[in-house]
Protein backbone atom coordinates (compact mmCIF):
# COMPACT_ATOMS: atom_id res chain seq x y z
CA MET A 1 14.34 59.65 -97.77
CA ARG A 2 17.96 59.43 -98.03
CA LYS A 3 18.05 57.76 -94.53
CA ASN A 4 15.81 55.06 -95.79
CA ILE A 5 17.90 54.29 -98.94
CA PHE A 6 20.93 54.07 -96.73
CA CYS A 7 19.25 51.71 -94.38
CA VAL A 8 17.93 49.54 -97.07
CA ALA A 9 21.33 49.30 -98.71
CA VAL A 10 23.09 48.52 -95.33
CA LEU A 11 20.43 45.81 -94.50
CA ALA A 12 20.83 44.32 -98.09
CA ILE A 13 24.54 44.29 -97.75
CA GLY A 14 24.50 42.66 -94.19
CA PHE A 15 21.78 40.03 -95.25
CA LEU A 16 23.80 39.15 -98.41
CA SER A 17 27.18 38.82 -96.45
CA GLY A 18 25.41 36.89 -93.86
CA CYS A 19 24.18 34.37 -96.48
CA ALA A 20 27.61 34.08 -98.08
CA GLN A 21 29.11 30.59 -98.09
CA MET A 22 32.26 30.44 -96.05
CA SER A 23 33.51 26.93 -96.88
CA PRO A 24 33.80 25.17 -100.25
CA ILE A 25 31.11 22.76 -101.09
CA ALA A 26 33.56 20.06 -102.41
CA SER A 27 37.17 19.83 -101.35
CA THR A 28 38.49 19.67 -105.18
CA LEU A 29 40.66 21.94 -107.09
CA SER A 30 38.70 24.66 -108.68
CA ASN A 31 39.10 25.41 -112.41
CA ASP A 32 41.13 28.55 -111.49
CA GLU A 33 43.47 26.61 -109.30
CA ILE A 34 44.07 24.28 -112.32
CA VAL A 35 44.51 26.77 -114.75
CA ALA A 36 46.90 28.88 -112.42
CA ASN A 37 48.98 25.69 -111.92
CA ARG A 38 49.03 24.94 -115.74
CA LEU A 39 50.16 28.56 -116.59
CA PHE A 40 53.54 27.92 -115.28
CA ILE A 41 54.11 25.01 -117.64
CA ASP A 42 55.50 25.69 -121.09
CA PRO A 43 52.62 24.50 -123.45
CA ASN A 44 55.16 23.03 -125.87
CA ASN A 45 56.58 20.75 -123.05
CA HIS A 46 54.12 18.00 -123.24
CA ASP A 47 55.91 15.73 -120.86
CA ALA A 48 55.48 18.31 -118.18
CA MET A 49 51.73 18.80 -119.23
CA ALA A 50 51.17 15.06 -119.01
CA LYS A 51 52.79 15.03 -115.63
CA HIS A 52 50.72 17.90 -114.48
CA TYR A 53 47.51 16.15 -115.47
CA GLU A 54 48.52 12.95 -113.69
CA ASP A 55 49.38 14.86 -110.51
CA VAL A 56 46.09 16.37 -110.61
CA ALA A 57 44.35 13.10 -111.09
CA LYS A 58 46.36 11.55 -108.20
CA GLU A 59 45.15 14.35 -105.98
CA MET A 60 41.64 13.72 -107.14
CA LYS A 61 42.01 9.98 -106.44
CA ALA A 62 43.05 10.70 -102.79
CA LYS A 63 40.01 13.16 -102.19
CA LEU A 64 37.85 10.29 -103.97
CA GLN A 65 39.06 7.80 -101.45
CA ALA A 66 38.27 10.10 -98.54
CA LYS A 67 34.76 10.63 -99.86
CA LYS A 68 34.34 6.87 -100.02
CA GLU A 69 35.47 6.47 -96.53
CA GLN A 70 33.02 9.13 -95.46
CA LEU A 71 30.21 7.42 -97.26
CA GLU A 72 31.30 4.19 -95.70
CA GLU A 73 31.21 5.88 -92.10
CA TYR A 74 27.78 7.13 -92.91
CA GLU A 75 26.46 3.66 -94.00
CA ARG A 76 27.94 2.11 -90.63
CA HIS A 77 26.31 4.91 -88.61
CA ASN A 78 23.46 6.38 -90.43
CA TYR A 79 21.53 6.71 -87.39
CA TYR A 80 23.98 9.42 -86.05
CA TYR A 81 23.07 11.80 -88.92
CA GLY A 82 19.16 11.93 -88.67
CA ARG A 83 17.21 13.65 -91.55
CA LYS A 84 20.32 15.42 -92.70
CA GLY A 85 21.95 12.21 -93.43
CA GLN A 86 20.04 11.75 -96.66
CA SER A 87 21.29 14.93 -98.19
CA PHE A 88 24.74 14.15 -96.91
CA ARG A 89 24.64 10.98 -98.67
CA SER A 90 23.45 12.32 -101.93
CA HIS A 91 25.89 15.04 -101.83
CA THR A 92 28.71 12.77 -101.17
CA TRP A 93 27.62 10.60 -104.06
CA ALA A 94 27.52 13.68 -106.40
CA ASN A 95 30.95 14.71 -105.31
CA MET A 96 32.27 11.24 -106.02
CA ARG A 97 30.78 11.19 -109.42
CA TYR A 98 32.24 14.51 -110.19
CA LEU A 99 35.63 13.26 -109.02
CA GLU A 100 35.48 10.16 -111.01
CA LYS A 101 34.67 12.17 -114.19
CA SER A 102 37.27 14.64 -113.56
CA ILE A 103 39.91 11.95 -112.92
CA GLU A 104 38.98 10.36 -116.18
CA GLU A 105 39.26 13.63 -118.05
CA ASN A 106 42.62 14.39 -116.60
CA LEU A 107 43.93 10.88 -117.47
CA LYS A 108 42.84 11.35 -121.05
CA GLU A 109 44.53 14.72 -121.23
CA ALA A 110 47.65 13.07 -119.78
CA ALA A 111 47.56 10.38 -122.34
CA ILE A 112 46.96 12.88 -125.12
CA HIS A 113 50.14 14.75 -124.03
CA HIS A 114 52.12 11.65 -123.69
CA LYS A 115 51.37 10.76 -127.37
CA ILE A 116 52.09 14.31 -128.74
CA ALA A 117 55.39 14.06 -126.67
CA GLN A 118 56.34 10.72 -128.31
CA ASP A 119 55.60 12.00 -131.74
CA GLN A 120 57.66 15.10 -131.11
CA GLN A 121 60.60 12.83 -130.11
CA LYS A 122 60.10 10.54 -133.08
CA ARG A 123 59.94 13.69 -135.38
CA ASP A 124 63.10 15.36 -133.62
CA LEU A 125 64.96 11.85 -134.24
CA SER A 126 64.06 11.74 -137.70
CA LEU A 127 65.23 15.25 -138.39
CA ARG A 128 68.63 14.49 -136.65
CA THR A 129 69.28 11.44 -138.71
CA GLU A 130 68.52 13.29 -142.14
């Protein structure tokens, strides 16, 4: 009985590890990486926060451009891809939509932090003059 349970456990672990995904689906920054990068920035330094969001948006724009080039290559030579080409095309479109949405959100966050930094500077100047 113990041997059967052990064999089933080993087979289950082997099967699950064999099905594990080895490469990321999209070559974008994960939320964990974004949060880890942001943890090193002082939350009260809004200029640095804005620059961080702008840098992330710039990286995503570069990745979006690469995805567009992949899609153009597919459109030029779609006969190379066979039946898997349709899923490649839809997957690339989905990644592009995700990147565009992420770029937009990061630029909004950067604009918010720029505005907060300007308000802080105005407040600091008004306190110094009084």
